[in-house]
Protein backbone atom coordinates (compact mmCIF):
# COMPACT_ATOMS: atom_id res chain seq x y z
CA UNK A 1 -1.25 -9.92 17.33
CA UNK A 2 -1.78 -8.35 20.35
CA UNK A 3 -4.17 -8.38 23.55
CA UNK A 4 -7.56 -6.59 24.18
CA UNK A 5 -8.71 -6.45 28.32
CA UNK A 6 -12.39 -6.38 29.11
CA UNK A 7 -13.48 -5.10 32.94
CA UNK A 8 -16.67 -6.27 33.60
CA UNK A 9 -18.27 -7.99 36.71
CA UNK A 10 -17.60 -11.62 37.31
CA UNK A 11 -19.67 -13.24 34.69
CA UNK A 12 -20.51 -10.42 31.94
CA UNK A 13 -21.15 -11.90 28.91
CA UNK A 14 -18.75 -10.52 26.29
CA UNK A 15 -18.81 -10.91 22.21
CA UNK A 16 -15.51 -9.21 20.59
CA UNK A 17 -15.78 -8.48 16.87
CA UNK A 18 -13.22 -7.30 14.97
CA UNK A 19 -14.20 -4.75 12.69
CA UNK A 20 -11.03 -3.57 10.58
CA UNK A 21 -7.10 -4.62 9.96
CA UNK A 22 -4.59 -2.39 11.52
CA UNK A 23 -2.51 -3.97 8.76
CA UNK A 24 -3.03 -2.59 5.76
CA UNK A 25 -4.82 -4.86 3.17
CA UNK A 26 -4.92 -2.65 0.15
CA UNK A 27 -4.65 -2.32 -3.35
CA UNK A 28 -4.40 0.51 -6.31
CA UNK A 29 -6.93 2.33 -7.43
CA UNK A 30 -7.47 2.70 -11.47
CA UNK A 31 -7.90 6.08 -12.52
CA UNK A 32 -10.55 4.30 -15.11
CA UNK A 33 -12.89 3.68 -12.30
CA UNK A 34 -12.65 7.63 -11.43
CA UNK A 35 -12.12 9.40 -14.47
CA UNK A 36 -15.56 7.86 -16.56
CA UNK A 37 -13.10 5.79 -18.61
CA UNK A 38 -14.61 2.46 -17.47
CA UNK A 39 -18.54 2.01 -17.47
CA UNK A 40 -20.95 3.14 -14.96
CA UNK A 41 -21.53 -0.68 -13.83
CA UNK A 42 -18.35 -1.70 -13.80
CA UNK A 43 -17.13 1.31 -11.81
CA UNK A 44 -20.42 0.76 -9.61
CA UNK A 45 -19.17 -2.64 -9.59
CA UNK A 46 -15.24 -2.21 -8.97
CA UNK A 47 -15.94 0.39 -5.92
CA UNK A 48 -18.15 -2.11 -4.23
CA UNK A 49 -15.36 -5.38 -4.62
CA UNK A 50 -12.60 -2.82 -3.44
CA UNK A 51 -14.42 -1.73 -0.46
CA UNK A 52 -15.59 -5.51 0.05
CA UNK A 53 -11.31 -6.46 0.24
CA UNK A 54 -9.10 -3.87 0.76
CA UNK A 55 -9.20 -1.45 3.44
CA UNK A 56 -6.31 0.71 1.96
CA UNK A 57 -5.34 1.79 -1.20
CA UNK A 58 -3.01 4.12 -3.28
CA UNK A 59 -3.31 5.87 -6.77
CA UNK A 60 -2.08 4.14 -9.78
CA UNK A 61 -1.33 6.36 -11.66
CA UNK A 62 -3.42 9.55 -11.29
CA UNK A 63 -0.41 11.23 -8.55
CA UNK A 64 2.38 10.48 -11.14
CA UNK A 65 3.98 13.50 -12.80
CA UNK A 66 3.46 12.25 -16.67
CA UNK A 67 -0.44 11.73 -15.97
CA UNK A 68 -0.96 14.82 -14.32
CA UNK A 69 1.05 17.56 -16.50
CA UNK A 70 1.67 15.84 -19.82
CA UNK A 71 1.95 19.51 -21.29
CA UNK A 72 3.27 22.57 -19.03
CA UNK A 73 0.40 23.89 -16.82
CA UNK A 74 -2.45 21.36 -18.08
CA UNK A 75 -3.15 20.14 -14.76
CA UNK A 76 -4.91 17.60 -14.46
CA UNK A 77 -6.26 17.55 -10.51
CA UNK A 78 -9.48 16.08 -11.27
CA UNK A 79 -8.99 12.49 -11.25
CA UNK A 80 -6.77 12.41 -7.78
CA UNK A 81 -9.74 15.28 -6.89
CA UNK A 82 -12.03 12.09 -6.84
CA UNK A 83 -9.80 9.57 -5.63
CA UNK A 84 -9.53 11.57 -2.67
CA UNK A 85 -13.26 12.48 -2.04
CA UNK A 86 -13.71 8.53 -2.33
CA UNK A 87 -11.60 7.18 -0.10
CA UNK A 88 -12.39 9.63 2.47
CA UNK A 89 -16.09 8.60 2.29
CA UNK A 90 -15.33 5.13 3.10
CA UNK A 91 -12.60 5.55 5.58
CA UNK A 92 -9.98 4.30 3.52
CA UNK A 93 -5.96 5.38 4.08
CA UNK A 94 -4.72 6.50 0.71
CA UNK A 95 -0.90 6.68 -0.55
CA UNK A 96 0.30 8.93 -2.58
CA UNK A 97 2.45 7.40 -5.85
CA UNK A 98 4.48 9.21 -6.50
CA UNK A 99 5.46 12.92 -6.48
CA UNK A 100 8.56 12.50 -8.64
CA UNK A 101 9.70 10.03 -10.74
CA UNK A 102 13.09 10.40 -12.06
CA UNK A 103 13.71 7.34 -13.98
CA UNK A 104 14.38 9.16 -17.13
CA UNK A 105 11.23 7.36 -19.63
CA UNK A 106 8.45 8.52 -16.98
CA UNK A 107 10.12 12.37 -16.68
CA UNK A 108 7.85 14.35 -18.49
CA UNK A 109 9.51 14.86 -22.19
CA UNK A 110 8.70 18.84 -21.60
CA UNK A 111 10.78 18.69 -18.34
CA UNK A 112 13.80 17.26 -20.21
CA UNK A 113 14.15 20.09 -22.43
CA UNK A 114 13.97 23.16 -19.59
CA UNK A 115 17.20 24.73 -18.78
CA UNK A 116 18.79 23.90 -14.94
CA UNK A 117 17.59 27.36 -13.20
CA UNK A 118 14.19 26.47 -15.16
CA UNK A 119 14.22 22.60 -14.07
CA UNK A 120 15.17 23.61 -10.83
CA UNK A 121 12.21 25.79 -9.84
CA UNK A 122 9.83 23.80 -11.96
CA UNK A 123 10.79 20.92 -9.39
CA UNK A 124 9.95 23.08 -6.93
CA UNK A 125 6.75 24.20 -7.72
CA UNK A 126 5.87 20.83 -8.39
CA UNK A 127 6.65 19.39 -4.80
CA UNK A 128 4.88 22.55 -3.19
CA UNK A 129 1.78 22.26 -5.47
CA UNK A 130 1.48 18.35 -3.89
CA UNK A 131 2.40 19.29 -0.40
CA UNK A 132 0.30 22.10 -0.28
CA UNK A 133 -2.77 21.35 -2.50
CA UNK A 134 -2.87 18.11 -0.53
CA UNK A 135 -2.02 18.95 2.94
CA UNK A 136 -3.31 16.51 5.35
CA UNK A 137 -4.82 13.79 2.69
CA UNK A 138 -2.72 11.65 1.51
CA UNK A 139 -1.08 9.08 4.91
CA UNK A 140 2.08 9.00 2.66
CA UNK A 141 3.88 9.51 -0.61
CA UNK A 142 6.69 7.87 -2.87
CA UNK A 143 9.12 10.85 -3.10
CA UNK A 144 10.94 9.82 -6.06
CA UNK A 145 10.18 6.40 -6.66
CA UNK A 146 12.93 3.75 -7.86
CA UNK A 147 15.72 5.88 -7.49
CA UNK A 148 18.36 2.85 -7.66
CA UNK A 149 17.27 1.77 -10.90
CA UNK A 150 17.73 6.03 -12.85
CA UNK A 151 17.47 9.22 -11.17
CA UNK A 152 17.22 11.75 -13.77
CA UNK A 153 16.86 14.76 -11.25
CA UNK A 154 20.15 13.63 -9.64
CA UNK A 155 21.77 13.50 -12.69
CA UNK A 156 21.31 17.30 -13.23
CA UNK A 157 21.59 18.20 -9.70
CA UNK A 158 23.47 15.78 -7.59
CA UNK A 159 22.48 13.53 -5.09
CA UNK A 160 21.29 16.80 -3.21
CA UNK A 161 18.30 17.28 -4.98
CA UNK A 162 16.38 14.47 -2.85
CA UNK A 163 16.64 16.53 -0.03
CA UNK A 164 15.65 19.18 -1.48
CA UNK A 165 12.32 17.60 -2.83
CA UNK A 166 11.56 16.47 0.31
CA UNK A 167 12.04 19.80 2.13
CA UNK A 168 10.01 21.54 -0.29
CA UNK A 169 7.00 19.12 0.47
CA UNK A 170 7.62 19.22 4.39
CA UNK A 171 7.15 22.83 4.29
CA UNK A 172 4.21 22.81 2.65
CA UNK A 173 2.29 19.62 4.49
CA UNK A 174 5.14 19.30 7.95
CA UNK A 175 3.27 15.99 8.25
CA UNK A 176 3.36 14.26 5.04
CA UNK A 177 5.27 10.98 5.43
CA UNK A 178 7.80 10.15 2.83
CA UNK A 179 8.42 6.85 1.38
CA UNK A 180 11.28 5.52 -0.87
CA UNK A 181 10.12 2.81 -3.34
CA UNK A 182 11.69 0.37 -5.62
CA UNK A 183 11.89 -3.32 -7.29
CA UNK A 184 13.69 -6.13 -7.26
CA UNK A 185 14.46 -5.71 -3.89
CA UNK A 186 12.67 -8.91 -2.55
CA UNK A 187 13.75 -10.95 -4.53
CA UNK A 188 17.21 -10.25 -3.31
CA UNK A 189 18.78 -8.67 -7.05
CA UNK A 190 19.31 -5.33 -5.53
CA UNK A 191 18.77 -5.60 -1.91
CA UNK A 192 22.10 -4.21 -1.04
CA UNK A 193 22.12 -1.70 -3.40
CA UNK A 194 18.92 -0.58 -1.47
CA UNK A 195 20.54 -0.20 1.20
CA UNK A 196 23.31 1.47 0.65
CA UNK A 197 20.57 4.03 -0.60
CA UNK A 198 18.54 3.84 1.83
CA UNK A 199 21.74 4.96 4.20
CA UNK A 200 22.84 7.71 2.35
CA UNK A 201 19.44 9.33 2.37
CA UNK A 202 19.13 9.09 5.98
CA UNK A 203 23.06 10.18 6.43
CA UNK A 204 22.39 13.08 3.89
CA UNK A 205 19.08 14.35 6.25
CA UNK A 206 15.93 13.12 4.31
CA UNK A 207 13.33 12.35 6.40
CA UNK A 208 12.22 9.13 5.29
CA UNK A 209 8.91 7.79 7.20
CA UNK A 210 8.97 4.17 5.29
CA UNK A 211 10.42 2.15 3.15
CA UNK A 212 8.34 0.95 -0.16
CA UNK A 213 9.21 -2.17 -1.88
CA UNK A 214 7.80 -4.04 -5.18
CA UNK A 215 6.57 -7.03 -5.08
CA UNK A 216 6.00 -7.72 -8.53
CA UNK A 217 9.64 -9.14 -9.89
CA UNK A 218 8.80 -12.66 -9.53
CA UNK A 219 7.24 -15.29 -11.98
CA UNK A 220 4.43 -17.80 -11.51
CA UNK A 221 6.24 -18.30 -7.91
CA UNK A 222 8.57 -16.78 -5.71
CA UNK A 223 11.67 -17.22 -3.42
CA UNK A 224 10.25 -17.48 0.28
CA UNK A 225 13.70 -17.74 1.50
CA UNK A 226 15.06 -14.62 -0.44
CA UNK A 227 11.83 -13.01 1.05
CA UNK A 228 11.90 -13.35 4.27
CA UNK A 229 15.75 -12.48 4.18
CA UNK A 230 14.82 -8.88 2.23
CA UNK A 231 12.26 -8.86 4.72
CA UNK A 232 14.69 -8.91 8.15
CA UNK A 233 17.64 -6.60 6.61
CA UNK A 234 15.38 -3.90 5.67
CA UNK A 235 14.15 -3.71 9.52
CA UNK A 236 17.57 -2.94 10.10
CA UNK A 237 16.19 0.78 9.62
CA UNK A 238 13.56 0.67 12.00
CA UNK A 239 10.93 1.96 9.97
CA UNK A 240 7.74 0.27 8.50
CA UNK A 241 7.87 -1.85 5.48
CA UNK A 242 4.82 -1.52 2.85
CA UNK A 243 4.53 -4.29 -0.12
CA UNK A 244 3.75 -1.48 -2.28
CA UNK A 245 2.85 -3.37 -5.91
CA UNK A 246 1.76 -7.20 -5.71
CA UNK A 247 1.37 -8.61 -8.46
CA UNK A 248 1.46 -12.89 -9.01
CA UNK A 249 2.57 -13.97 -11.49
CA UNK A 250 4.91 -11.07 -11.85
CA UNK A 251 6.92 -8.84 -14.19
CA UNK A 252 9.39 -11.77 -14.61
CA UNK A 253 6.37 -14.00 -16.13
CA UNK A 254 5.26 -14.34 -19.83
CA UNK A 255 1.67 -13.18 -18.49
CA UNK A 256 3.84 -9.60 -18.62
CA UNK A 257 4.69 -9.48 -21.80
CA UNK A 258 2.02 -11.65 -23.23
CA UNK A 259 -1.07 -10.24 -21.28
CA UNK A 260 -4.02 -11.96 -23.60
CA UNK A 261 -2.59 -15.26 -21.65
CA UNK A 262 -5.29 -17.53 -19.62
CA UNK A 263 -4.05 -19.40 -16.85
CA UNK A 264 -5.13 -22.67 -16.60
CA UNK A 265 -7.21 -24.01 -14.18
CA UNK A 266 -4.51 -26.24 -12.45
CA UNK A 267 -2.21 -22.34 -12.58
CA UNK A 268 -5.28 -20.52 -10.90
CA UNK A 269 -4.61 -22.99 -7.83
CA UNK A 270 -1.31 -22.54 -8.25
CA UNK A 271 -1.34 -19.32 -7.98
CA UNK A 272 -4.21 -18.94 -5.18
CA UNK A 273 -1.25 -21.10 -3.56
CA UNK A 274 1.66 -18.87 -4.23
CA UNK A 275 -0.21 -15.66 -3.09
CA UNK A 276 -1.31 -16.89 0.10
CA UNK A 277 2.14 -18.04 0.92
CA UNK A 278 3.27 -14.51 0.15
CA UNK A 279 1.14 -13.04 2.35
CA UNK A 280 1.80 -15.42 5.39
CA UNK A 281 5.19 -14.04 5.09
CA UNK A 282 4.61 -10.99 5.26
CA UNK A 283 1.70 -10.82 7.14
CA UNK A 284 3.65 -12.68 9.59
CA UNK A 285 7.33 -10.21 9.86
CA UNK A 286 7.09 -7.35 12.73
CA UNK A 287 8.03 -4.72 10.35
CA UNK A 288 5.51 -5.50 7.39
CA UNK A 289 3.14 -2.42 7.91
CA UNK A 290 1.01 -3.26 4.74
CA UNK A 291 0.41 -5.16 1.40
CA UNK A 292 -1.10 -3.13 -1.79
CA UNK A 293 -1.77 -4.87 -4.77
CA UNK A 294 -0.81 -3.34 -7.90
CA UNK A 295 -4.12 -4.37 -9.49
CA UNK A 296 -7.63 -6.77 -8.74
CA UNK A 297 -9.69 -6.94 -11.40
CA UNK A 298 -8.67 -8.68 -14.75
CA UNK A 299 -9.96 -5.36 -16.61
CA UNK A 300 -8.09 -2.62 -14.97
CA UNK A 301 -5.17 -4.63 -13.92
CA UNK A 302 -1.47 -4.11 -14.95
CA UNK A 303 -0.97 -8.00 -15.37
CA UNK A 304 -4.22 -9.15 -16.04
CA UNK A 305 -3.76 -13.03 -15.14
CA UNK A 306 -2.69 -11.54 -11.59
CA UNK A 307 -6.20 -10.60 -10.80
CA UNK A 308 -8.62 -11.89 -7.69
CA UNK A 309 -11.09 -11.04 -9.97
CA UNK A 310 -12.31 -11.86 -13.91
CA UNK A 311 -13.66 -9.73 -16.20
CA UNK A 312 -17.01 -10.70 -15.64
CA UNK A 313 -16.32 -9.99 -11.90
CA UNK A 314 -16.36 -13.84 -11.00
CA UNK A 315 -13.60 -14.28 -7.82
CA UNK A 316 -10.53 -17.00 -8.49
CA UNK A 317 -9.30 -19.43 -6.79
CA UNK A 318 -6.74 -16.74 -5.22
CA UNK A 319 -9.70 -14.27 -4.28
CA UNK A 320 -10.89 -16.96 -2.06
CA UNK A 321 -7.77 -17.63 -0.44
CA UNK A 322 -6.91 -14.00 -0.06
CA UNK A 323 -10.17 -13.80 1.88
CA UNK A 324 -10.01 -16.66 3.37
CA UNK A 325 -6.64 -15.30 4.81
CA UNK A 326 -7.76 -11.72 5.55
CA UNK A 327 -11.15 -12.44 6.97
CA UNK A 328 -11.31 -15.40 8.34
CA UNK A 329 -7.82 -16.99 9.44
CA UNK A 330 -6.87 -13.51 11.03
CA UNK A 331 -10.13 -12.09 12.07
CA UNK A 332 -10.86 -12.36 15.35
CA UNK A 333 -14.38 -13.05 16.71
CA UNK A 334 -14.57 -13.93 20.33
CA UNK A 335 -17.74 -14.36 22.86
CA UNK A 336 -17.64 -15.69 26.42
CA UNK A 337 -17.84 -14.51 29.85
CA UNK A 338 -15.60 -12.32 32.44
CA UNK A 339 -14.21 -14.47 34.75
CA UNK A 340 -13.93 -14.53 38.39
CA UNK A 341 -11.91 -11.53 38.50
CA UNK A 342 -13.69 -10.22 36.17
CA UNK A 343 -11.84 -10.09 33.42
CA UNK A 344 -11.29 -11.48 29.90
CA UNK A 345 -7.94 -11.80 27.87
CA UNK A 346 -8.52 -12.02 24.28
CA UNK A 347 -5.55 -12.78 22.00
CA UNK A 348 -6.38 -10.65 19.13
CA UNK A 349 -5.42 -8.80 15.86
CA UNK A 350 -4.65 -5.33 16.08
CA UNK A 351 -7.05 -3.37 14.48
CA UNK A 352 -10.45 -1.87 15.35
CA UNK A 353 -13.01 -4.33 17.80
CA UNK A 354 -16.68 -3.61 17.98
CA UNK A 355 -17.02 -4.84 21.89
CA UNK A 356 -20.51 -5.89 23.64
CA UNK A 357 -20.17 -5.95 27.41
CA UNK A 358 -23.60 -6.72 28.98
CA UNK A 359 -25.84 -5.59 26.15
CA UNK A 360 -23.77 -2.79 25.77
CA UNK A 361 -21.86 -1.81 23.20
CA UNK A 362 -18.83 -0.14 22.53
CA UNK A 363 -15.75 0.84 19.92
CA UNK A 364 -12.19 -0.07 20.54
CA UNK A 365 -8.81 0.10 19.17
CA UNK A 366 -5.89 -2.47 19.68
CA UNK A 367 -2.83 -0.83 18.05
CA UNK A 368 0.37 -2.85 17.15
CA UNK A 369 2.44 0.53 18.49
CA UNK A 370 0.47 -0.63 22.73
CA UNK A 371 0.22 -4.40 22.07
CA UNK A 372 -2.64 -4.13 24.31
CA UNK A 373 -6.26 -2.55 25.25
CA UNK A 374 -8.80 -2.28 27.91
CA UNK A 375 -12.22 -2.31 27.45
CA UNK A 376 -14.25 -1.08 30.74
CA UNK A 377 -18.08 -2.20 31.56
């Protein structure tokens, strides 16, 4: 939170209404809602519910190289274009996930068949294509996903290939913000490895703009102390942290391998409490800049049991708990009058506001980097 200061003649009525959080409360966008795979009714409802719950987005699969170009030269730009158009029209910042994914099983098979010279040129073509085609459109990118779990490209060319990837993208889009992104970090299991990896990339000169940490390597619950500790350790880099892929229950629960399993009513209530606790820890941490769920509707969720909304679009207890946090407990609405000095000092969550002063309305932005904002009549 910061401070919103309103200045007007003494005794002037003032109303402060939050319209948006600066913190990202986001989710992944399923390709099916933008390429015609979902029914028109579900597509409309999907987009409506997304806008009612989230202020930021990330491409779930549409930008991945294996999805975009399963065969050499046959590039599908359509789904990404549709997502970009929709998010722009609705004022949603969009993460690009991902430009490369070096874990071997996610490298396009045809790419592995290339000799070194051809592969090097092909990597450059991919990086420059993304950088130039989407210049200024994505707020940030995952440059090369999950590098501590496998990096086919580094195995072929050495660790310096990551710096080359970054350079190619940034030569086409100098403002591109490039993130690392990996998993089993917030559980503590690969935290030390990730810290060493980030240090090596920074020492190499890779222009990292932020740190992505996936939030789905727990089971039906999570270790509060490990989560807090991991965030504290990663904060040493003074880079924004995004929890990029959150599900609960997570990947170590039976609901990942057996996606037909349903939660009981009691388990749904427990899920709601767990999600609320996870969000509280992350939202309270000064280094964390956002959380993005990896799905929110049972009909298009990587782990269906983790969804906020059931297949029939009815909200789960977790949806109600989430909305209570974001839109009630963490939402600033204030009414009063300026004091004898002609001021109102309002503690407020970072974000955008509609401020009405004596019947006249203006917009204000309270940014974390500033800490305070002043509105004058």
